[in-house]
Amino acid sequence: FYAVQPLSFLLMMTLFEWFIALHDIEVAHVWSG
């Protein structure tokens, strides 16, 4: 998953407020149960 993190880095930079909006929800933990 980290192999694409240069692209993830740019995506997060561009849409940072949206990633922050998801931060407290912990989407990954909801997805994993």
ModelCIF file with pLDDT and N, C-alpha, C, O atoms, coordinates in Angstrom:
data_MODEL
#
_entry.id   MODEL 
#
_entity.id                         1 
_entity.type                       polymer 
_entity.pdbx_number_of_molecules   1 
#
_entity_poly.entity_id                      1 
_entity_poly.type                           'polypeptide(L)' 
_entity_poly.nstd_linkage                   no 
_entity_poly.nstd_monomer                   no 
_entity_poly.pdbx_seq_one_letter_code       FYAVQPLSFLLMMTLFEWFIALHDIEVAHVWSG 
_entity_poly.pdbx_seq_one_letter_code_can   FYAVQPLSFLLMMTLFEWFIALHDIEVAHVWSG 
_entity_poly.pdbx_strand_id                 A 
#
loop_
_entity_poly_seq.entity_id 
_entity_poly_seq.num 
_entity_poly_seq.mon_id 
_entity_poly_seq.hetero 
1 1  PHE n 
1 2  TYR n 
1 3  ALA n 
1 4  VAL n 
1 5  GLN n 
1 6  PRO n 
1 7  LEU n 
1 8  SER n 
1 9  PHE n 
1 10 LEU n 
1 11 LEU n 
1 12 MET n 
1 13 MET n 
1 14 THR n 
1 15 LEU n 
1 16 PHE n 
1 17 GLU n 
1 18 TRP n 
1 19 PHE n 
1 20 ILE n 
1 21 ALA n 
1 22 LEU n 
1 23 HIS n 
1 24 ASP n 
1 25 ILE n 
1 26 GLU n 
1 27 VAL n 
1 28 ALA n 
1 29 HIS n 
1 30 VAL n 
1 31 TRP n 
1 32 SER n 
1 33 GLY n 
#
_struct_asym.id          A 
_struct_asym.entity_id   1 
#
loop_
_ma_qa_metric.id 
_ma_qa_metric.mode 
_ma_qa_metric.name 
_ma_qa_metric.software_group_id 
_ma_qa_metric.type 
1 global pLDDT . pLDDT 
2 local  pLDDT . pLDDT 
#
_ma_qa_metric_global.metric_id      1 
_ma_qa_metric_global.metric_value   90.85 
_ma_qa_metric_global.model_id       1 
_ma_qa_metric_global.ordinal_id     1 
#
loop_
_ma_qa_metric_local.label_asym_id 
_ma_qa_metric_local.label_comp_id 
_ma_qa_metric_local.label_seq_id 
_ma_qa_metric_local.metric_id 
_ma_qa_metric_local.metric_value 
_ma_qa_metric_local.model_id 
_ma_qa_metric_local.ordinal_id 
A PHE 1  2 94.00 1 1  
A TYR 2  2 96.00 1 2  
A ALA 3  2 96.00 1 3  
A VAL 4  2 97.00 1 4  
A GLN 5  2 96.00 1 5  
A PRO 6  2 97.00 1 6  
A LEU 7  2 97.00 1 7  
A SER 8  2 96.00 1 8  
A PHE 9  2 97.00 1 9  
A LEU 10 2 97.00 1 10 
A LEU 11 2 97.00 1 11 
A MET 12 2 97.00 1 12 
A MET 13 2 98.00 1 13 
A THR 14 2 98.00 1 14 
A LEU 15 2 97.00 1 15 
A PHE 16 2 97.00 1 16 
A GLU 17 2 96.00 1 17 
A TRP 18 2 96.00 1 18 
A PHE 19 2 94.00 1 19 
A ILE 20 2 95.00 1 20 
A ALA 21 2 93.00 1 21 
A LEU 22 2 91.00 1 22 
A HIS 23 2 88.00 1 23 
A ASP 24 2 84.00 1 24 
A ILE 25 2 87.00 1 25 
A GLU 26 2 82.00 1 26 
A VAL 27 2 80.00 1 27 
A ALA 28 2 77.00 1 28 
A HIS 29 2 75.00 1 29 
A VAL 30 2 78.00 1 30 
A TRP 31 2 79.00 1 31 
A SER 32 2 78.00 1 32 
A GLY 33 2 78.00 1 33 
#
loop_
_atom_site.group_PDB 
_atom_site.id 
_atom_site.type_symbol 
_atom_site.label_atom_id 
_atom_site.label_alt_id 
_atom_site.label_comp_id 
_atom_site.label_asym_id 
_atom_site.label_entity_id 
_atom_site.label_seq_id 
_atom_site.pdbx_PDB_ins_code 
_atom_site.Cartn_x 
_atom_site.Cartn_y 
_atom_site.Cartn_z 
_atom_site.occupancy 
_atom_site.B_iso_or_equiv 
_atom_site.pdbx_formal_charge 
_atom_site.auth_seq_id 
_atom_site.auth_comp_id 
_atom_site.auth_asym_id 
_atom_site.auth_atom_id 
_atom_site.pdbx_PDB_model_num 
ATOM 1   N N  . PHE A 1 1  ? 0.828   -1.208 0.000  1.00 94.00 ? 1  PHE A N  1 
ATOM 2   C CA . PHE A 1 1  ? 0.000   0.000  0.000  1.00 94.00 ? 1  PHE A CA 1 
ATOM 3   C C  . PHE A 1 1  ? 0.862   1.258  0.000  1.00 94.00 ? 1  PHE A C  1 
ATOM 4   O O  . PHE A 1 1  ? 0.499   2.269  -0.601 1.00 94.00 ? 1  PHE A O  1 
ATOM 5   N N  . TYR A 1 2  ? 2.015   1.189  0.684  1.00 96.00 ? 2  TYR A N  1 
ATOM 6   C CA . TYR A 1 2  ? 2.873   2.361  0.790  1.00 96.00 ? 2  TYR A CA 1 
ATOM 7   C C  . TYR A 1 2  ? 3.641   2.639  -0.495 1.00 96.00 ? 2  TYR A C  1 
ATOM 8   O O  . TYR A 1 2  ? 4.249   3.703  -0.619 1.00 96.00 ? 2  TYR A O  1 
ATOM 9   N N  . ALA A 1 3  ? 3.633   1.720  -1.452 1.00 96.00 ? 3  ALA A N  1 
ATOM 10  C CA . ALA A 1 3  ? 4.352   1.948  -2.701 1.00 96.00 ? 3  ALA A CA 1 
ATOM 11  C C  . ALA A 1 3  ? 3.788   3.143  -3.468 1.00 96.00 ? 3  ALA A C  1 
ATOM 12  O O  . ALA A 1 3  ? 4.502   3.796  -4.228 1.00 96.00 ? 3  ALA A O  1 
ATOM 13  N N  . VAL A 1 4  ? 2.508   3.420  -3.264 1.00 97.00 ? 4  VAL A N  1 
ATOM 14  C CA . VAL A 1 4  ? 1.873   4.538  -3.978 1.00 97.00 ? 4  VAL A CA 1 
ATOM 15  C C  . VAL A 1 4  ? 1.781   5.785  -3.108 1.00 97.00 ? 4  VAL A C  1 
ATOM 16  O O  . VAL A 1 4  ? 1.049   6.715  -3.448 1.00 97.00 ? 4  VAL A O  1 
ATOM 17  N N  . GLN A 1 5  ? 2.506   5.826  -1.995 1.00 96.00 ? 5  GLN A N  1 
ATOM 18  C CA . GLN A 1 5  ? 2.323   6.947  -1.086 1.00 96.00 ? 5  GLN A CA 1 
ATOM 19  C C  . GLN A 1 5  ? 2.806   8.289  -1.643 1.00 96.00 ? 5  GLN A C  1 
ATOM 20  O O  . GLN A 1 5  ? 2.342   9.320  -1.157 1.00 96.00 ? 5  GLN A O  1 
ATOM 21  N N  . PRO A 1 6  ? 3.705   8.342  -2.629 1.00 97.00 ? 6  PRO A N  1 
ATOM 22  C CA . PRO A 1 6  ? 3.945   9.650  -3.245 1.00 97.00 ? 6  PRO A CA 1 
ATOM 23  C C  . PRO A 1 6  ? 2.678   10.232 -3.871 1.00 97.00 ? 6  PRO A C  1 
ATOM 24  O O  . PRO A 1 6  ? 2.456   11.441 -3.810 1.00 97.00 ? 6  PRO A O  1 
ATOM 25  N N  . LEU A 1 7  ? 1.850   9.379  -4.470 1.00 97.00 ? 7  LEU A N  1 
ATOM 26  C CA . LEU A 1 7  ? 0.574   9.846  -5.019 1.00 97.00 ? 7  LEU A CA 1 
ATOM 27  C C  . LEU A 1 7  ? -0.415  10.148 -3.902 1.00 97.00 ? 7  LEU A C  1 
ATOM 28  O O  . LEU A 1 7  ? -1.162  11.123 -3.978 1.00 97.00 ? 7  LEU A O  1 
ATOM 29  N N  . SER A 1 8  ? -0.423  9.310  -2.864 1.00 96.00 ? 8  SER A N  1 
ATOM 30  C CA . SER A 1 8  ? -1.299  9.565  -1.711 1.00 96.00 ? 8  SER A CA 1 
ATOM 31  C C  . SER A 1 8  ? -0.948  10.883 -1.053 1.00 96.00 ? 8  SER A C  1 
ATOM 32  O O  . SER A 1 8  ? -1.825  11.617 -0.599 1.00 96.00 ? 8  SER A O  1 
ATOM 33  N N  . PHE A 1 9  ? 0.341   11.177 -1.005 1.00 97.00 ? 9  PHE A N  1 
ATOM 34  C CA . PHE A 1 9  ? 0.843   12.422 -0.429 1.00 97.00 ? 9  PHE A CA 1 
ATOM 35  C C  . PHE A 1 9  ? 0.269   13.625 -1.177 1.00 97.00 ? 9  PHE A C  1 
ATOM 36  O O  . PHE A 1 9  ? -0.208  14.575 -0.556 1.00 97.00 ? 9  PHE A O  1 
ATOM 37  N N  . LEU A 1 10 ? 0.314   13.584 -2.507 1.00 97.00 ? 10 LEU A N  1 
ATOM 38  C CA . LEU A 1 10 ? -0.210  14.678 -3.323 1.00 97.00 ? 10 LEU A CA 1 
ATOM 39  C C  . LEU A 1 10 ? -1.726  14.776 -3.207 1.00 97.00 ? 10 LEU A C  1 
ATOM 40  O O  . LEU A 1 10 ? -2.276  15.876 -3.156 1.00 97.00 ? 10 LEU A O  1 
ATOM 41  N N  . LEU A 1 11 ? -2.404  13.627 -3.166 1.00 97.00 ? 11 LEU A N  1 
ATOM 42  C CA . LEU A 1 11 ? -3.855  13.631 -3.033 1.00 97.00 ? 11 LEU A CA 1 
ATOM 43  C C  . LEU A 1 11 ? -4.270  14.225 -1.697 1.00 97.00 ? 11 LEU A C  1 
ATOM 44  O O  . LEU A 1 11 ? -5.189  15.042 -1.643 1.00 97.00 ? 11 LEU A O  1 
ATOM 45  N N  . MET A 1 12 ? -3.605  13.827 -0.620 1.00 97.00 ? 12 MET A N  1 
ATOM 46  C CA . MET A 1 12 ? -3.933  14.357 0.697  1.00 97.00 ? 12 MET A CA 1 
ATOM 47  C C  . MET A 1 12 ? -3.655  15.851 0.756  1.00 97.00 ? 12 MET A C  1 
ATOM 48  O O  . MET A 1 12 ? -4.424  16.596 1.364  1.00 97.00 ? 12 MET A O  1 
ATOM 49  N N  . MET A 1 13 ? -2.578  16.299 0.139  1.00 98.00 ? 13 MET A N  1 
ATOM 50  C CA . MET A 1 13 ? -2.247  17.716 0.116  1.00 98.00 ? 13 MET A CA 1 
ATOM 51  C C  . MET A 1 13 ? -3.358  18.521 -0.553 1.00 98.00 ? 13 MET A C  1 
ATOM 52  O O  . MET A 1 13 ? -3.744  19.579 -0.056 1.00 98.00 ? 13 MET A O  1 
ATOM 53  N N  . THR A 1 14 ? -3.869  18.030 -1.667 1.00 98.00 ? 14 THR A N  1 
ATOM 54  C CA . THR A 1 14 ? -4.887  18.752 -2.428 1.00 98.00 ? 14 THR A CA 1 
ATOM 55  C C  . THR A 1 14 ? -6.230  18.773 -1.708 1.00 98.00 ? 14 THR A C  1 
ATOM 56  O O  . THR A 1 14 ? -6.925  19.789 -1.715 1.00 98.00 ? 14 THR A O  1 
ATOM 57  N N  . LEU A 1 15 ? -6.594  17.662 -1.091 1.00 97.00 ? 15 LEU A N  1 
ATOM 58  C CA . LEU A 1 15 ? -7.915  17.521 -0.466 1.00 97.00 ? 15 LEU A CA 1 
ATOM 59  C C  . LEU A 1 15 ? -7.808  17.434 1.049  1.00 97.00 ? 15 LEU A C  1 
ATOM 60  O O  . LEU A 1 15 ? -8.584  16.720 1.683  1.00 97.00 ? 15 LEU A O  1 
ATOM 61  N N  . PHE A 1 16 ? -6.867  18.143 1.631  1.00 97.00 ? 16 PHE A N  1 
ATOM 62  C CA . PHE A 1 16 ? -6.532  17.951 3.038  1.00 97.00 ? 16 PHE A CA 1 
ATOM 63  C C  . PHE A 1 16 ? -7.733  18.131 3.961  1.00 97.00 ? 16 PHE A C  1 
ATOM 64  O O  . PHE A 1 16 ? -7.900  17.349 4.896  1.00 97.00 ? 16 PHE A O  1 
ATOM 65  N N  . GLU A 1 17 ? -8.575  19.141 3.725  1.00 96.00 ? 17 GLU A N  1 
ATOM 66  C CA . GLU A 1 17 ? -9.705  19.367 4.628  1.00 96.00 ? 17 GLU A CA 1 
ATOM 67  C C  . GLU A 1 17 ? -10.655 18.175 4.638  1.00 96.00 ? 17 GLU A C  1 
ATOM 68  O O  . GLU A 1 17 ? -11.284 17.898 5.659  1.00 96.00 ? 17 GLU A O  1 
ATOM 69  N N  . TRP A 1 18 ? -10.768 17.470 3.523  1.00 96.00 ? 18 TRP A N  1 
ATOM 70  C CA . TRP A 1 18 ? -11.658 16.306 3.464  1.00 96.00 ? 18 TRP A CA 1 
ATOM 71  C C  . TRP A 1 18 ? -11.065 15.115 4.213  1.00 96.00 ? 18 TRP A C  1 
ATOM 72  O O  . TRP A 1 18 ? -11.795 14.349 4.841  1.00 96.00 ? 18 TRP A O  1 
ATOM 73  N N  . PHE A 1 19 ? -9.759  14.961 4.148  1.00 94.00 ? 19 PHE A N  1 
ATOM 74  C CA . PHE A 1 19 ? -9.118  13.890 4.914  1.00 94.00 ? 19 PHE A CA 1 
ATOM 75  C C  . PHE A 1 19 ? -9.207  14.172 6.413  1.00 94.00 ? 19 PHE A C  1 
ATOM 76  O O  . PHE A 1 19 ? -9.391  13.252 7.210  1.00 94.00 ? 19 PHE A O  1 
ATOM 77  N N  . ILE A 1 20 ? -9.077  15.443 6.795  1.00 95.00 ? 20 ILE A N  1 
ATOM 78  C CA . ILE A 1 20 ? -9.219  15.799 8.203  1.00 95.00 ? 20 ILE A CA 1 
ATOM 79  C C  . ILE A 1 20 ? -10.645 15.516 8.672  1.00 95.00 ? 20 ILE A C  1 
ATOM 80  O O  . ILE A 1 20 ? -10.860 15.108 9.814  1.00 95.00 ? 20 ILE A O  1 
ATOM 81  N N  . ALA A 1 21 ? -11.622 15.736 7.779  1.00 93.00 ? 21 ALA A N  1 
ATOM 82  C CA . ALA A 1 21 ? -13.023 15.493 8.140  1.00 93.00 ? 21 ALA A CA 1 
ATOM 83  C C  . ALA A 1 21 ? -13.283 14.018 8.432  1.00 93.00 ? 21 ALA A C  1 
ATOM 84  O O  . ALA A 1 21 ? -14.185 13.687 9.202  1.00 93.00 ? 21 ALA A O  1 
ATOM 85  N N  . LEU A 1 22 ? -12.500 13.135 7.825  1.00 91.00 ? 22 LEU A N  1 
ATOM 86  C CA . LEU A 1 22 ? -12.666 11.698 8.042  1.00 91.00 ? 22 LEU A CA 1 
ATOM 87  C C  . LEU A 1 22 ? -11.832 11.179 9.206  1.00 91.00 ? 22 LEU A C  1 
ATOM 88  O O  . LEU A 1 22 ? -11.979 10.029 9.618  1.00 91.00 ? 22 LEU A O  1 
ATOM 89  N N  . HIS A 1 23 ? -10.955 12.034 9.735  1.00 88.00 ? 23 HIS A N  1 
ATOM 90  C CA . HIS A 1 23 ? -9.944  11.580 10.688 1.00 88.00 ? 23 HIS A CA 1 
ATOM 91  C C  . HIS A 1 23 ? -10.554 11.002 11.957 1.00 88.00 ? 23 HIS A C  1 
ATOM 92  O O  . HIS A 1 23 ? -10.166 9.915  12.387 1.00 88.00 ? 23 HIS A O  1 
ATOM 93  N N  . ASP A 1 24 ? -11.494 11.704 12.558 1.00 84.00 ? 24 ASP A N  1 
ATOM 94  C CA . ASP A 1 24 ? -12.056 11.256 13.832 1.00 84.00 ? 24 ASP A CA 1 
ATOM 95  C C  . ASP A 1 24 ? -13.008 10.070 13.662 1.00 84.00 ? 24 ASP A C  1 
ATOM 96  O O  . ASP A 1 24 ? -13.282 9.347  14.620 1.00 84.00 ? 24 ASP A O  1 
ATOM 97  N N  . ILE A 1 25 ? -13.508 9.875  12.441 1.00 87.00 ? 25 ILE A N  1 
ATOM 98  C CA . ILE A 1 25 ? -14.415 8.749  12.183 1.00 87.00 ? 25 ILE A CA 1 
ATOM 99  C C  . ILE A 1 25 ? -13.656 7.432  12.169 1.00 87.00 ? 25 ILE A C  1 
ATOM 100 O O  . ILE A 1 25 ? -14.218 6.381  12.478 1.00 87.00 ? 25 ILE A O  1 
ATOM 101 N N  . GLU A 1 26 ? -12.364 7.491  11.805 1.00 82.00 ? 26 GLU A N  1 
ATOM 102 C CA . GLU A 1 26 ? -11.518 6.298  11.704 1.00 82.00 ? 26 GLU A CA 1 
ATOM 103 C C  . GLU A 1 26 ? -12.129 5.276  10.740 1.00 82.00 ? 26 GLU A C  1 
ATOM 104 O O  . GLU A 1 26 ? -12.500 4.167  11.122 1.00 82.00 ? 26 GLU A O  1 
ATOM 105 N N  . VAL A 1 27 ? -12.216 5.691  9.496  1.00 80.00 ? 27 VAL A N  1 
ATOM 106 C CA . VAL A 1 27 ? -12.852 4.870  8.469  1.00 80.00 ? 27 VAL A CA 1 
ATOM 107 C C  . VAL A 1 27 ? -12.207 3.490  8.372  1.00 80.00 ? 27 VAL A C  1 
ATOM 108 O O  . VAL A 1 27 ? -12.904 2.487  8.218  1.00 80.00 ? 27 VAL A O  1 
ATOM 109 N N  . ALA A 1 28 ? -10.886 3.439  8.462  1.00 77.00 ? 28 ALA A N  1 
ATOM 110 C CA . ALA A 1 28 ? -10.194 2.147  8.354  1.00 77.00 ? 28 ALA A CA 1 
ATOM 111 C C  . ALA A 1 28 ? -10.626 1.193  9.462  1.00 77.00 ? 28 ALA A C  1 
ATOM 112 O O  . ALA A 1 28 ? -10.769 -0.006 9.222  1.00 77.00 ? 28 ALA A O  1 
ATOM 113 N N  . HIS A 1 29 ? -10.834 1.709  10.670 1.00 75.00 ? 29 HIS A N  1 
ATOM 114 C CA . HIS A 1 29 ? -11.270 0.854  11.779 1.00 75.00 ? 29 HIS A CA 1 
ATOM 115 C C  . HIS A 1 29 ? -12.720 0.411  11.600 1.00 75.00 ? 29 HIS A C  1 
ATOM 116 O O  . HIS A 1 29 ? -13.079 -0.710 11.961 1.00 75.00 ? 29 HIS A O  1 
ATOM 117 N N  . VAL A 1 30 ? -13.544 1.286  11.047 1.00 78.00 ? 30 VAL A N  1 
ATOM 118 C CA . VAL A 1 30 ? -14.926 0.883  10.772 1.00 78.00 ? 30 VAL A CA 1 
ATOM 119 C C  . VAL A 1 30 ? -14.936 -0.208 9.715  1.00 78.00 ? 30 VAL A C  1 
ATOM 120 O O  . VAL A 1 30 ? -15.673 -1.188 9.827  1.00 78.00 ? 30 VAL A O  1 
ATOM 121 N N  . TRP A 1 31 ? -14.119 -0.034 8.694  1.00 79.00 ? 31 TRP A N  1 
ATOM 122 C CA . TRP A 1 31 ? -14.046 -1.002 7.595  1.00 79.00 ? 31 TRP A CA 1 
ATOM 123 C C  . TRP A 1 31 ? -13.558 -2.361 8.086  1.00 79.00 ? 31 TRP A C  1 
ATOM 124 O O  . TRP A 1 31 ? -14.038 -3.403 7.640  1.00 79.00 ? 31 TRP A O  1 
ATOM 125 N N  . SER A 1 32 ? -12.589 -2.340 9.020  1.00 78.00 ? 32 SER A N  1 
ATOM 126 C CA . SER A 1 32 ? -12.010 -3.595 9.503  1.00 78.00 ? 32 SER A CA 1 
ATOM 127 C C  . SER A 1 32 ? -12.812 -4.215 10.649 1.00 78.00 ? 32 SER A C  1 
ATOM 128 O O  . SER A 1 32 ? -12.535 -5.342 11.059 1.00 78.00 ? 32 SER A O  1 
ATOM 129 N N  . GLY A 1 33 ? -13.802 -3.488 11.166 1.00 78.00 ? 33 GLY A N  1 
ATOM 130 C CA . GLY A 1 33 ? -14.604 -4.005 12.264 1.00 78.00 ? 33 GLY A CA 1 
ATOM 131 C C  . GLY A 1 33 ? -14.083 -3.654 13.635 1.00 78.00 ? 33 GLY A C  1 
ATOM 132 O O  . GLY A 1 33 ? -14.681 -4.037 14.640 1.00 78.00 ? 33 GLY A O  1 
#
